[in-house]
Amino acid sequence: MNTVWLYNHRKQKMNKYYIGYDVGSSSVKIALVDAFTGKKLALVNEPENEMSIIALQANWAEQDPKDWWKHICKGTKRVIAEANIDPSKISGIGISYQMHGLVVVDENIEPLRNSIIWCDDRAIAIGNTAFNELGHDKCFEQLLNSPGNFTASKLKWVLDNEPEIYNKIHKYMLPGDFVAAKLTGKICTTKNSLSEGILWDYKEDKLANWLLDYYGIDSNLTPEIVENFTNQGEVTEHASAETGIPVGCPVIYRAGDQPNNALSLNILNHGEVAATGGTSGVIYAVTNQLKSKESSRINNFAHVNYSKNNTTVGKLLCVNGAGIMYRWLRNNVGTDSYDEMNTKASEIPVGSEGVVVIPFGNGAERMLNSVNTGVHFANINLNQHTHSHLYRAALEGIAFAFVYGMEILTNDNAEVKVMRAGNDNLFRSEIFANTVATLIGHDIEIYNTTGAVGAARACSLTDGDFKKFGKNITDNDHVMTYKPLKDKEPYELAYKNWRTTLEMILNNK
């Protein structure tokens, strides 16, 4: 680390600003925060409508990285204008990005093809074959994952199916690496990024060259590896002209969207868990254990503060059928708004008087060993139950799915001391949040923050002061805390009934 730069960076925090990018598949979110207090000054989405996803074949998903850069340039100028700040005082850049994608570029950092993004399934068979031929034990021990449908396997697909493109590749990278390269002209990556592409060997603490060798990929295509929370490259004159960020402003931090979401919620240590409850749900539990026995159902990634001496790993479990279940009910059962649905659901007792909703209708569920159960409504009495029962049973069913996922995580060396979540979607429902908190037996703290804000604030961590970083989040963002309810028995009985129904369905698949 450049100690002179670090000293000056600390000294000049006051009256300075950080900018954060969250490059998703639907939009780019850009935030400006005060460098000293962490207070959010402005937040914009670009484009205002969702970005398109290119699907040339079934189960393929691509985006043009040049579109991400176009939206970053436009959105940066917008956020500077909205915040009404002097852009010369922007002193750090943080980047969050959609995980697992592949970008391949030439020596001029020009993409050679569209990015194969996170939800593209074309490399599944490649990853599964590698998993079997390399050996499950080796993959679990050294990668903490199956090679799966991740960046390494997608690059192998390019080698096998587009050799003319592969032969022109100067470097491969993940989406956040591309954004950083466009800003700085420097092509580099981090341990975190490589782990998200299943390219990091935890046992050897280095690039998994043996996996690249197995795939026949030249390891020299891997970018230089740099540390997080330090100067990773500085904005060029060309990038400054396009974005409005001053020349020399450093990129300090980058991480995939789920690890970054955890950081945004001050989830950094063993026993801390981040949760999101959108269309799909995510549980991200930080642990210090470099081992996994559930890698076929969950994924393990180097957390944002991972190092050889601080082996923090994020165990990620996805619940595909989450908010989409409740949205389906709103769209197809009556004309109630979400607030009206929640009010009617609250009038029904815990357990929904026997009604069970299995919410897994948004594709195969990895946590169920990739079984696609579909949605199930069970035990409905046509003379007793109403749409209010369905509302409550749906919220409970989604909550039970989260609890089921937490059981898988705790069986895989995770621990729950506290859970934190954003103030969005499902966690605005008292029924959902109270059910989860009561069954896991821990508080759920709710914060009003975003990935772009978290990425911007992460620039302050060059000084390693995680305590102050967390205090800024608590001071600026804490909304409320759900505590486990004392009368736990009806929740336990309802969960037992739900789980029995799920097991019956799984046994018949």
Protein backbone atom coordinates (compact mmCIF):
# COMPACT_ATOMS: atom_id res chain seq x y z
CA MET A 1 0.00 0.00 0.00
CA ASN A 2 1.23 3.54 -0.79
CA THR A 3 1.59 4.99 2.73
CA VAL A 4 1.88 8.60 1.56
CA TRP A 5 -1.36 8.27 -0.43
CA LEU A 6 -3.07 6.61 2.55
CA TYR A 7 -2.00 9.41 4.93
CA ASN A 8 -3.26 12.10 2.59
CA HIS A 9 -6.49 10.16 1.97
CA ARG A 10 -7.22 10.01 5.72
CA LYS A 11 -6.33 13.65 6.29
CA GLN A 12 -8.59 14.92 3.55
CA LYS A 13 -11.77 12.97 4.34
CA MET A 14 -13.60 16.01 5.68
CA ASN A 15 -15.45 17.97 2.99
CA LYS A 16 -14.83 15.15 0.55
CA TYR A 17 -17.16 12.69 -1.12
CA TYR A 18 -17.18 9.05 -2.16
CA ILE A 19 -19.06 7.66 -5.13
CA GLY A 20 -20.42 4.12 -5.28
CA TYR A 21 -21.64 2.06 -8.23
CA ASP A 22 -23.92 -0.97 -8.08
CA VAL A 23 -23.88 -2.54 -11.55
CA GLY A 24 -26.87 -4.86 -11.71
CA SER A 25 -28.47 -6.62 -14.63
CA SER A 26 -31.50 -4.32 -14.51
CA SER A 27 -29.80 -0.96 -13.90
CA VAL A 28 -26.75 0.83 -12.59
CA LYS A 29 -27.29 2.56 -9.25
CA ILE A 30 -24.97 5.43 -8.38
CA ALA A 31 -24.65 6.96 -4.90
CA LEU A 32 -22.73 9.90 -3.45
CA VAL A 33 -21.95 9.94 0.28
CA ASP A 34 -20.14 12.30 2.63
CA ALA A 35 -16.66 10.83 3.14
CA PHE A 36 -16.53 11.72 6.83
CA THR A 37 -20.02 10.84 8.09
CA GLY A 38 -21.12 8.29 5.50
CA LYS A 39 -24.40 10.20 5.00
CA LYS A 40 -26.08 9.58 1.65
CA LEU A 41 -26.27 12.75 -0.43
CA ALA A 42 -27.84 11.47 -3.64
CA LEU A 43 -28.81 8.22 -5.36
CA VAL A 44 -29.85 7.68 -8.99
CA ASN A 45 -30.71 4.75 -11.25
CA GLU A 46 -29.54 4.63 -14.85
CA PRO A 47 -31.31 3.89 -17.09
CA GLU A 48 -34.61 4.79 -15.51
CA ASN A 49 -36.15 1.77 -17.27
CA GLU A 50 -34.61 -1.68 -16.95
CA MET A 51 -31.67 -2.68 -19.13
CA SER A 52 -32.42 -5.40 -21.63
CA ILE A 53 -30.99 -8.92 -21.43
CA ILE A 54 -30.05 -10.59 -24.70
CA ALA A 55 -31.19 -14.22 -24.97
CA LEU A 56 -29.90 -15.70 -28.23
CA GLN A 57 -30.97 -19.17 -27.13
CA ALA A 58 -33.13 -20.60 -24.37
CA ASN A 59 -31.47 -20.22 -20.93
CA TRP A 60 -28.82 -17.84 -22.29
CA ALA A 61 -28.41 -14.32 -20.89
CA GLU A 62 -26.00 -11.67 -22.15
CA GLN A 63 -25.44 -7.93 -21.86
CA ASP A 64 -23.12 -5.54 -23.67
CA PRO A 65 -20.51 -4.22 -21.17
CA LYS A 66 -20.34 -1.02 -23.19
CA ASP A 67 -23.93 -0.34 -22.11
CA TRP A 68 -22.88 -0.55 -18.45
CA TRP A 69 -20.17 2.03 -19.12
CA LYS A 70 -22.59 4.30 -21.00
CA HIS A 71 -25.02 4.24 -18.06
CA ILE A 72 -22.21 4.84 -15.56
CA CYS A 73 -21.06 7.91 -17.46
CA LYS A 74 -24.55 9.39 -17.74
CA GLY A 75 -25.59 8.43 -14.20
CA THR A 76 -22.42 9.86 -12.65
CA LYS A 77 -23.09 13.27 -14.15
CA ARG A 78 -26.70 13.05 -12.96
CA VAL A 79 -25.80 12.20 -9.36
CA ILE A 80 -23.21 14.99 -9.20
CA ALA A 81 -25.82 17.45 -10.43
CA GLU A 82 -28.50 16.21 -8.03
CA ALA A 83 -26.16 16.37 -5.04
CA ASN A 84 -24.98 19.81 -6.19
CA ILE A 85 -21.39 19.15 -5.11
CA ASP A 86 -17.99 20.15 -6.43
CA PRO A 87 -16.93 17.00 -8.37
CA SER A 88 -13.25 17.80 -7.79
CA LYS A 89 -13.84 16.77 -4.17
CA ILE A 90 -14.80 13.19 -5.03
CA SER A 91 -11.92 11.28 -3.46
CA GLY A 92 -12.79 7.60 -3.78
CA ILE A 93 -14.75 5.09 -5.87
CA GLY A 94 -16.37 1.84 -4.74
CA ILE A 95 -17.87 -0.73 -7.10
CA SER A 96 -20.50 -3.41 -6.53
CA TYR A 97 -21.53 -5.63 -9.42
CA GLN A 98 -23.60 -8.56 -10.59
CA MET A 99 -21.72 -11.72 -9.62
CA HIS A 100 -20.43 -14.63 -11.72
CA GLY A 101 -20.46 -12.87 -15.09
CA LEU A 102 -17.72 -13.14 -17.71
CA VAL A 103 -16.22 -10.23 -19.64
CA VAL A 104 -13.39 -10.82 -22.15
CA VAL A 105 -11.43 -7.87 -23.56
CA ASP A 106 -8.57 -7.03 -25.89
CA GLU A 107 -5.52 -4.93 -24.97
CA ASN A 108 -7.54 -1.73 -25.35
CA ILE A 109 -10.14 -2.91 -22.80
CA GLU A 110 -12.67 -3.34 -25.60
CA PRO A 111 -15.09 -6.24 -25.09
CA LEU A 112 -14.66 -9.06 -27.61
CA ARG A 113 -18.22 -10.28 -27.12
CA ASN A 114 -21.22 -9.64 -24.91
CA SER A 115 -20.83 -10.47 -21.25
CA ILE A 116 -22.22 -13.89 -20.31
CA ILE A 117 -24.03 -12.79 -17.14
CA TRP A 118 -24.94 -14.49 -13.88
CA CYS A 119 -28.29 -15.99 -14.93
CA ASP A 120 -26.96 -17.63 -18.12
CA ASP A 121 -27.11 -21.45 -17.85
CA ARG A 122 -25.03 -22.54 -20.85
CA ALA A 123 -22.03 -23.76 -18.82
CA ILE A 124 -23.88 -26.00 -16.36
CA ALA A 125 -22.80 -29.26 -18.03
CA ILE A 126 -19.18 -28.03 -18.26
CA GLY A 127 -19.08 -27.31 -14.53
CA ASN A 128 -20.79 -30.57 -13.58
CA THR A 129 -18.34 -32.61 -15.66
CA ALA A 130 -15.39 -30.81 -14.07
CA PHE A 131 -16.84 -31.44 -10.61
CA ASN A 132 -17.04 -35.18 -11.25
CA GLU A 133 -13.72 -35.54 -13.04
CA LEU A 134 -11.68 -33.39 -10.67
CA GLY A 135 -13.36 -34.97 -7.66
CA HIS A 136 -15.93 -33.65 -5.24
CA ASP A 137 -13.56 -33.73 -2.27
CA LYS A 138 -10.87 -31.71 -4.07
CA CYS A 139 -13.38 -29.08 -5.19
CA PHE A 140 -14.97 -28.80 -1.76
CA GLU A 141 -11.61 -28.65 0.03
CA GLN A 142 -9.88 -26.16 -2.25
CA LEU A 143 -12.64 -24.22 -4.05
CA LEU A 144 -15.31 -24.60 -1.33
CA ASN A 145 -17.70 -25.03 -4.28
CA SER A 146 -18.43 -27.03 -7.37
CA PRO A 147 -17.07 -25.26 -10.50
CA GLY A 148 -20.73 -25.08 -11.45
CA ASN A 149 -22.10 -22.51 -13.85
CA PHE A 150 -19.66 -19.81 -12.78
CA THR A 151 -17.13 -17.57 -14.55
CA ALA A 152 -14.43 -20.22 -15.00
CA SER A 153 -16.89 -22.60 -16.67
CA LYS A 154 -18.28 -19.82 -18.87
CA LEU A 155 -14.74 -19.06 -20.07
CA LYS A 156 -14.31 -22.73 -20.92
CA TRP A 157 -17.51 -22.47 -22.98
CA VAL A 158 -15.97 -19.62 -24.98
CA LEU A 159 -12.82 -21.70 -25.56
CA ASP A 160 -14.86 -24.66 -26.81
CA ASN A 161 -17.46 -22.80 -28.86
CA GLU A 162 -15.84 -19.51 -29.94
CA PRO A 163 -12.12 -20.28 -30.38
CA GLU A 164 -11.70 -17.31 -32.71
CA ILE A 165 -12.76 -15.02 -29.84
CA TYR A 166 -10.80 -16.92 -27.20
CA ASN A 167 -7.60 -16.52 -29.24
CA LYS A 168 -8.01 -12.71 -29.16
CA ILE A 169 -8.50 -12.47 -25.38
CA HIS A 170 -6.02 -10.26 -23.57
CA LYS A 171 -7.69 -10.70 -20.15
CA TYR A 172 -10.88 -12.18 -18.74
CA MET A 173 -12.61 -10.50 -15.85
CA LEU A 174 -15.83 -10.12 -13.87
CA PRO A 175 -18.22 -7.18 -14.46
CA GLY A 176 -16.79 -5.06 -11.64
CA ASP A 177 -13.27 -5.54 -12.94
CA PHE A 178 -14.39 -4.21 -16.32
CA VAL A 179 -15.90 -1.08 -14.79
CA ALA A 180 -12.73 -0.45 -12.77
CA ALA A 181 -10.61 -0.94 -15.90
CA LYS A 182 -12.67 1.56 -17.89
CA LEU A 183 -12.26 4.11 -15.10
CA THR A 184 -8.53 3.62 -14.57
CA GLY A 185 -7.11 2.03 -17.70
CA LYS A 186 -5.67 -0.64 -15.38
CA ILE A 187 -6.82 -4.25 -15.73
CA CYS A 188 -6.80 -5.95 -12.35
CA THR A 189 -8.96 -8.12 -10.12
CA THR A 190 -9.22 -9.15 -6.47
CA LYS A 191 -9.31 -12.39 -4.50
CA ASN A 192 -12.97 -11.65 -3.88
CA SER A 193 -13.76 -11.42 -7.59
CA LEU A 194 -11.83 -14.59 -8.39
CA SER A 195 -13.64 -16.48 -5.63
CA GLU A 196 -16.98 -15.39 -7.09
CA GLY A 197 -15.93 -16.91 -10.41
CA ILE A 198 -14.83 -20.11 -8.58
CA LEU A 199 -11.21 -19.37 -9.47
CA TRP A 200 -9.68 -19.06 -6.00
CA ASP A 201 -7.88 -21.89 -4.18
CA TYR A 202 -8.49 -21.34 -0.47
CA LYS A 203 -6.12 -24.10 0.62
CA GLU A 204 -3.18 -22.67 -1.34
CA ASP A 205 -4.39 -19.03 -1.03
CA LYS A 206 -3.84 -18.32 -4.69
CA LEU A 207 -5.39 -18.55 -8.16
CA ALA A 208 -6.69 -22.07 -8.86
CA ASN A 209 -4.28 -22.74 -11.72
CA TRP A 210 -5.10 -26.45 -11.61
CA LEU A 211 -8.71 -25.68 -12.57
CA LEU A 212 -7.59 -23.47 -15.45
CA ASP A 213 -5.15 -26.19 -16.55
CA TYR A 214 -7.96 -28.75 -16.50
CA TYR A 215 -10.08 -26.45 -18.67
CA GLY A 216 -7.15 -25.74 -21.01
CA ILE A 217 -7.24 -22.02 -20.23
CA ASP A 218 -4.04 -19.96 -20.21
CA SER A 219 -3.56 -18.62 -16.66
CA ASN A 220 -1.81 -15.56 -18.13
CA LEU A 221 -5.26 -14.35 -19.16
CA THR A 222 -5.94 -13.70 -15.47
CA PRO A 223 -5.62 -10.01 -14.48
CA GLU A 224 -3.17 -8.77 -11.87
CA ILE A 225 -4.53 -9.43 -8.36
CA VAL A 226 -4.79 -6.37 -6.06
CA GLU A 227 -5.97 -5.96 -2.48
CA ASN A 228 -9.32 -4.45 -1.50
CA PHE A 229 -9.58 -1.19 0.48
CA THR A 230 -6.52 0.33 -1.17
CA ASN A 231 -5.63 2.29 -4.29
CA GLN A 232 -6.47 -0.10 -7.15
CA GLY A 233 -5.93 2.42 -9.96
CA GLU A 234 -6.74 6.06 -10.67
CA VAL A 235 -9.22 7.75 -13.01
CA THR A 236 -7.72 8.62 -16.39
CA GLU A 237 -8.21 11.85 -18.31
CA HIS A 238 -10.47 10.05 -20.79
CA ALA A 239 -12.65 8.54 -18.05
CA SER A 240 -12.76 11.88 -16.24
CA ALA A 241 -14.07 13.61 -19.35
CA GLU A 242 -16.80 10.98 -19.76
CA THR A 243 -17.92 10.77 -16.12
CA GLY A 244 -17.06 14.07 -14.46
CA ILE A 245 -14.97 12.35 -11.76
CA PRO A 246 -11.62 14.12 -11.24
CA VAL A 247 -8.43 12.76 -12.80
CA GLY A 248 -6.47 10.73 -10.26
CA CYS A 249 -9.46 9.75 -8.11
CA PRO A 250 -8.72 6.18 -6.95
CA VAL A 251 -10.87 3.07 -7.22
CA ILE A 252 -10.59 1.73 -3.67
CA TYR A 253 -13.04 -1.16 -3.41
CA ARG A 254 -14.95 -3.70 -5.45
CA ALA A 255 -17.13 -6.71 -4.58
CA GLY A 256 -20.00 -8.77 -5.94
CA ASP A 257 -23.51 -7.59 -5.12
CA GLN A 258 -24.26 -10.06 -2.32
CA PRO A 259 -20.96 -9.67 -0.41
CA ASN A 260 -21.34 -5.91 -0.91
CA ASN A 261 -24.92 -6.03 0.36
CA ALA A 262 -23.57 -7.71 3.50
CA LEU A 263 -20.93 -5.02 3.93
CA SER A 264 -23.63 -2.36 3.41
CA LEU A 265 -25.41 -3.87 6.43
CA ASN A 266 -22.20 -4.04 8.52
CA ILE A 267 -21.99 -7.83 8.15
CA LEU A 268 -18.28 -8.52 8.42
CA ASN A 269 -17.63 -11.12 11.13
CA HIS A 270 -18.33 -14.75 12.00
CA GLY A 271 -21.92 -15.17 13.17
CA GLU A 272 -23.32 -12.16 11.32
CA VAL A 273 -25.95 -12.81 8.64
CA ALA A 274 -27.35 -10.58 5.88
CA ALA A 275 -30.72 -11.26 4.29
CA THR A 276 -32.65 -9.84 1.37
CA GLY A 277 -36.28 -10.48 0.58
CA GLY A 278 -36.97 -9.39 -2.96
CA THR A 279 -38.37 -11.42 -5.86
CA SER A 280 -35.99 -14.09 -4.69
CA GLY A 281 -34.42 -14.18 -1.25
CA VAL A 282 -30.80 -14.46 -0.22
CA ILE A 283 -29.25 -15.45 3.08
CA TYR A 284 -25.55 -14.60 3.33
CA ALA A 285 -23.86 -15.88 6.48
CA VAL A 286 -20.28 -14.90 7.29
CA THR A 287 -18.11 -17.59 8.83
CA ASN A 288 -14.42 -18.07 9.56
CA GLN A 289 -14.50 -21.77 8.68
CA LEU A 290 -12.79 -22.74 5.39
CA LYS A 291 -14.78 -25.90 4.89
CA SER A 292 -18.12 -26.90 3.45
CA LYS A 293 -20.20 -30.05 3.30
CA GLU A 294 -23.24 -28.45 1.68
CA SER A 295 -21.57 -27.06 -1.44
CA SER A 296 -24.18 -28.65 -3.67
CA ARG A 297 -26.86 -26.50 -2.02
CA ILE A 298 -25.02 -23.31 -1.09
CA ASN A 299 -22.07 -21.30 -2.41
CA ASN A 300 -19.02 -20.00 -0.57
CA PHE A 301 -17.22 -16.77 -1.49
CA ALA A 302 -14.28 -14.86 -0.03
CA HIS A 303 -15.91 -12.05 1.89
CA VAL A 304 -14.95 -8.42 1.30
CA ASN A 305 -12.47 -8.45 4.21
CA TYR A 306 -11.02 -11.90 3.47
CA SER A 307 -7.29 -12.39 3.84
CA LYS A 308 -4.95 -15.26 4.62
CA ASN A 309 -5.04 -14.23 8.28
CA ASN A 310 -8.71 -13.31 8.38
CA THR A 311 -10.49 -16.14 6.60
CA THR A 312 -13.99 -14.66 6.46
CA VAL A 313 -16.14 -16.51 3.95
CA GLY A 314 -19.69 -15.69 2.96
CA LYS A 315 -21.99 -18.71 2.69
CA LEU A 316 -24.74 -17.79 0.25
CA LEU A 317 -28.08 -19.56 0.06
CA CYS A 318 -30.73 -18.47 -2.41
CA VAL A 319 -34.50 -18.86 -2.01
CA ASN A 320 -35.83 -18.45 -5.55
CA GLY A 321 -39.48 -18.54 -4.55
CA ALA A 322 -39.74 -15.56 -2.18
CA GLY A 323 -41.36 -12.19 -2.93
CA ILE A 324 -42.49 -13.46 -6.32
CA MET A 325 -44.95 -15.72 -4.44
CA TYR A 326 -46.59 -12.80 -2.66
CA ARG A 327 -46.61 -10.74 -5.86
CA TRP A 328 -48.37 -13.58 -7.68
CA LEU A 329 -51.11 -13.56 -5.05
CA ARG A 330 -51.53 -9.81 -5.36
CA ASN A 331 -51.80 -10.05 -9.13
CA ASN A 332 -54.13 -13.05 -9.22
CA VAL A 333 -56.26 -13.06 -6.05
CA GLY A 334 -58.61 -10.10 -5.77
CA THR A 335 -57.57 -6.45 -6.02
CA ASP A 336 -55.91 -5.89 -2.64
CA SER A 337 -52.75 -3.79 -2.34
CA TYR A 338 -49.80 -5.13 -0.39
CA ASP A 339 -50.82 -3.06 2.65
CA GLU A 340 -54.35 -4.45 2.46
CA MET A 341 -52.99 -7.97 2.07
CA ASN A 342 -50.79 -7.52 5.14
CA THR A 343 -53.70 -6.14 7.18
CA LYS A 344 -55.96 -9.06 6.24
CA ALA A 345 -53.17 -11.56 6.90
CA SER A 346 -52.67 -10.11 10.40
CA GLU A 347 -56.29 -10.99 11.24
CA ILE A 348 -55.52 -14.71 10.78
CA PRO A 349 -53.83 -16.62 13.63
CA VAL A 350 -50.31 -18.03 13.46
CA GLY A 351 -50.30 -21.18 11.35
CA SER A 352 -53.07 -19.88 9.05
CA GLU A 353 -55.50 -22.35 10.60
CA GLY A 354 -53.78 -25.24 8.86
CA VAL A 355 -53.29 -23.74 5.37
CA VAL A 356 -49.80 -24.37 3.99
CA VAL A 357 -48.15 -22.60 1.05
CA ILE A 358 -44.97 -24.09 -0.42
CA PRO A 359 -43.61 -21.06 -2.31
CA PHE A 360 -41.03 -22.69 -4.59
CA GLY A 361 -42.42 -21.77 -7.99
CA ASN A 362 -39.60 -19.71 -9.47
CA GLY A 363 -37.47 -22.45 -11.00
CA ALA A 364 -35.39 -25.22 -9.49
CA GLU A 365 -34.29 -24.54 -5.91
CA ARG A 366 -30.57 -25.20 -5.35
CA MET A 367 -31.13 -25.55 -1.63
CA LEU A 368 -33.55 -28.42 -2.42
CA ASN A 369 -30.81 -30.12 -4.47
CA SER A 370 -32.06 -28.37 -7.63
CA VAL A 371 -35.57 -29.86 -7.41
CA ASN A 372 -38.36 -27.76 -8.91
CA THR A 373 -41.35 -28.43 -6.68
CA GLY A 374 -43.55 -25.68 -8.04
CA VAL A 375 -45.99 -23.86 -5.74
CA HIS A 376 -48.33 -25.94 -3.57
CA PHE A 377 -51.42 -24.84 -1.63
CA ALA A 378 -52.31 -27.48 0.96
CA ASN A 379 -55.07 -28.17 3.51
CA ILE A 380 -57.54 -25.59 2.20
CA ASN A 381 -61.06 -26.03 3.61
CA LEU A 382 -63.49 -24.48 1.15
CA ASN A 383 -66.01 -23.86 3.94
CA GLN A 384 -63.53 -22.15 6.26
CA HIS A 385 -60.58 -20.54 4.53
CA THR A 386 -60.49 -17.25 2.63
CA HIS A 387 -57.99 -15.25 0.62
CA SER A 388 -56.83 -13.78 3.96
CA HIS A 389 -55.65 -17.25 4.94
CA LEU A 390 -53.75 -17.51 1.66
CA TYR A 391 -52.03 -14.18 2.34
CA ARG A 392 -50.89 -15.26 5.80
CA ALA A 393 -49.90 -18.75 4.65
CA ALA A 394 -47.85 -17.29 1.80
CA LEU A 395 -45.93 -14.93 4.12
CA GLU A 396 -45.40 -17.77 6.58
CA GLY A 397 -44.40 -20.17 3.81
CA ILE A 398 -41.73 -17.79 2.52
CA ALA A 399 -40.52 -17.20 6.09
CA PHE A 400 -40.36 -20.95 6.69
CA ALA A 401 -38.29 -21.32 3.52
CA PHE A 402 -35.80 -18.82 4.98
CA VAL A 403 -35.70 -20.76 8.26
CA TYR A 404 -35.20 -24.02 6.35
CA GLY A 405 -32.30 -22.37 4.55
CA MET A 406 -30.80 -21.17 7.83
CA GLU A 407 -30.85 -24.76 9.08
CA ILE A 408 -28.81 -25.81 6.04
CA LEU A 409 -26.34 -22.99 6.69
CA THR A 410 -25.93 -23.76 10.39
CA ASN A 411 -25.32 -27.39 9.46
CA ASP A 412 -22.45 -26.11 7.31
CA ASN A 413 -20.40 -24.31 9.97
CA ALA A 414 -22.35 -21.06 9.93
CA GLU A 415 -23.56 -19.48 13.15
CA VAL A 416 -26.27 -16.90 13.75
CA LYS A 417 -25.62 -14.15 16.25
CA VAL A 418 -27.50 -11.39 14.47
CA MET A 419 -29.36 -11.01 11.17
CA ARG A 420 -29.58 -7.69 9.33
CA ALA A 421 -31.73 -6.84 6.34
CA GLY A 422 -32.63 -3.91 4.14
CA ASN A 423 -35.89 -2.06 4.67
CA ASP A 424 -37.51 -3.43 1.53
CA ASN A 425 -40.11 -5.85 0.27
CA LEU A 426 -40.71 -8.81 2.58
CA PHE A 427 -38.94 -7.35 5.60
CA ARG A 428 -41.55 -4.61 5.72
CA SER A 429 -44.04 -7.31 6.70
CA GLU A 430 -44.26 -7.89 10.46
CA ILE A 431 -45.65 -11.37 9.89
CA PHE A 432 -42.71 -12.41 7.75
CA ALA A 433 -40.02 -10.78 9.90
CA ASN A 434 -41.50 -11.86 13.23
CA THR A 435 -41.83 -15.45 12.01
CA VAL A 436 -38.18 -15.62 10.94
CA ALA A 437 -36.87 -13.87 14.07
CA THR A 438 -38.90 -16.08 16.40
CA LEU A 439 -37.89 -19.36 14.78
CA ILE A 440 -34.17 -18.57 14.45
CA GLY A 441 -34.17 -17.10 17.96
CA HIS A 442 -32.25 -13.94 17.05
CA ASP A 443 -32.90 -10.27 16.39
CA ILE A 444 -33.40 -9.02 12.85
CA GLU A 445 -32.10 -5.48 12.48
CA ILE A 446 -33.58 -3.45 9.62
CA TYR A 447 -31.53 -0.79 7.82
CA ASN A 448 -32.42 1.70 5.12
CA THR A 449 -29.44 1.36 2.79
CA THR A 450 -28.50 0.19 -0.70
CA GLY A 451 -25.60 -1.55 -2.41
CA ALA A 452 -24.45 1.64 -4.13
CA VAL A 453 -24.36 3.52 -0.82
CA GLY A 454 -22.47 0.64 0.79
CA ALA A 455 -19.93 0.56 -2.05
CA ALA A 456 -19.35 4.30 -1.65
CA ARG A 457 -18.92 4.03 2.11
CA ALA A 458 -16.47 1.15 1.69
CA CYS A 459 -13.92 3.70 0.43
CA SER A 460 -13.49 4.79 4.06
CA LEU A 461 -12.05 1.40 5.00
CA THR A 462 -8.54 2.18 3.79
CA ASP A 463 -7.81 2.93 7.46
CA GLY A 464 -9.18 -0.45 8.59
CA ASP A 465 -11.57 1.23 11.03
CA PHE A 466 -14.47 -1.21 10.72
CA LYS A 467 -15.88 -0.03 14.06
CA LYS A 468 -16.37 3.51 12.79
CA PHE A 469 -17.70 2.16 9.49
CA GLY A 470 -20.38 0.21 11.40
CA LYS A 471 -21.23 3.22 13.57
CA ASN A 472 -21.89 5.32 10.46
CA ILE A 473 -24.35 2.68 9.27
CA THR A 474 -26.10 2.55 12.66
CA ASP A 475 -26.24 6.35 12.92
CA ASN A 476 -27.52 6.88 9.38
CA ASP A 477 -29.59 3.85 8.48
CA HIS A 478 -31.04 1.87 11.40
CA VAL A 479 -34.84 1.71 11.12
CA MET A 480 -36.00 -0.86 13.66
CA THR A 481 -35.28 -4.26 15.20
CA TYR A 482 -37.57 -7.29 15.20
CA LYS A 483 -37.07 -9.38 18.32
CA PRO A 484 -38.05 -13.06 18.76
CA LEU A 485 -41.54 -13.33 20.22
CA LYS A 486 -41.86 -15.00 23.62
CA ASP A 487 -44.70 -17.33 22.59
CA LYS A 488 -42.70 -19.49 20.20
CA GLU A 489 -44.84 -22.66 20.30
CA PRO A 490 -47.46 -21.77 17.63
CA TYR A 491 -44.67 -20.78 15.23
CA GLU A 492 -42.84 -24.06 15.85
CA LEU A 493 -46.04 -26.06 15.26
CA ALA A 494 -46.76 -24.17 12.03
CA TYR A 495 -43.19 -24.68 10.80
CA LYS A 496 -43.38 -28.39 11.61
CA ASN A 497 -46.60 -28.65 9.59
CA TRP A 498 -44.98 -26.76 6.67
CA ARG A 499 -41.86 -28.87 6.75
CA THR A 500 -43.85 -32.13 6.84
CA THR A 501 -45.74 -30.98 3.72
CA LEU A 502 -42.51 -30.06 1.95
CA GLU A 503 -40.93 -33.42 2.74
CA MET A 504 -43.96 -35.26 1.38
CA ILE A 505 -43.62 -33.32 -1.87
CA LEU A 506 -39.87 -33.94 -2.12
CA ASN A 507 -40.30 -37.66 -1.44
CA ASN A 508 -42.70 -37.91 -4.36
CA LYS A 509 -40.36 -36.14 -6.81
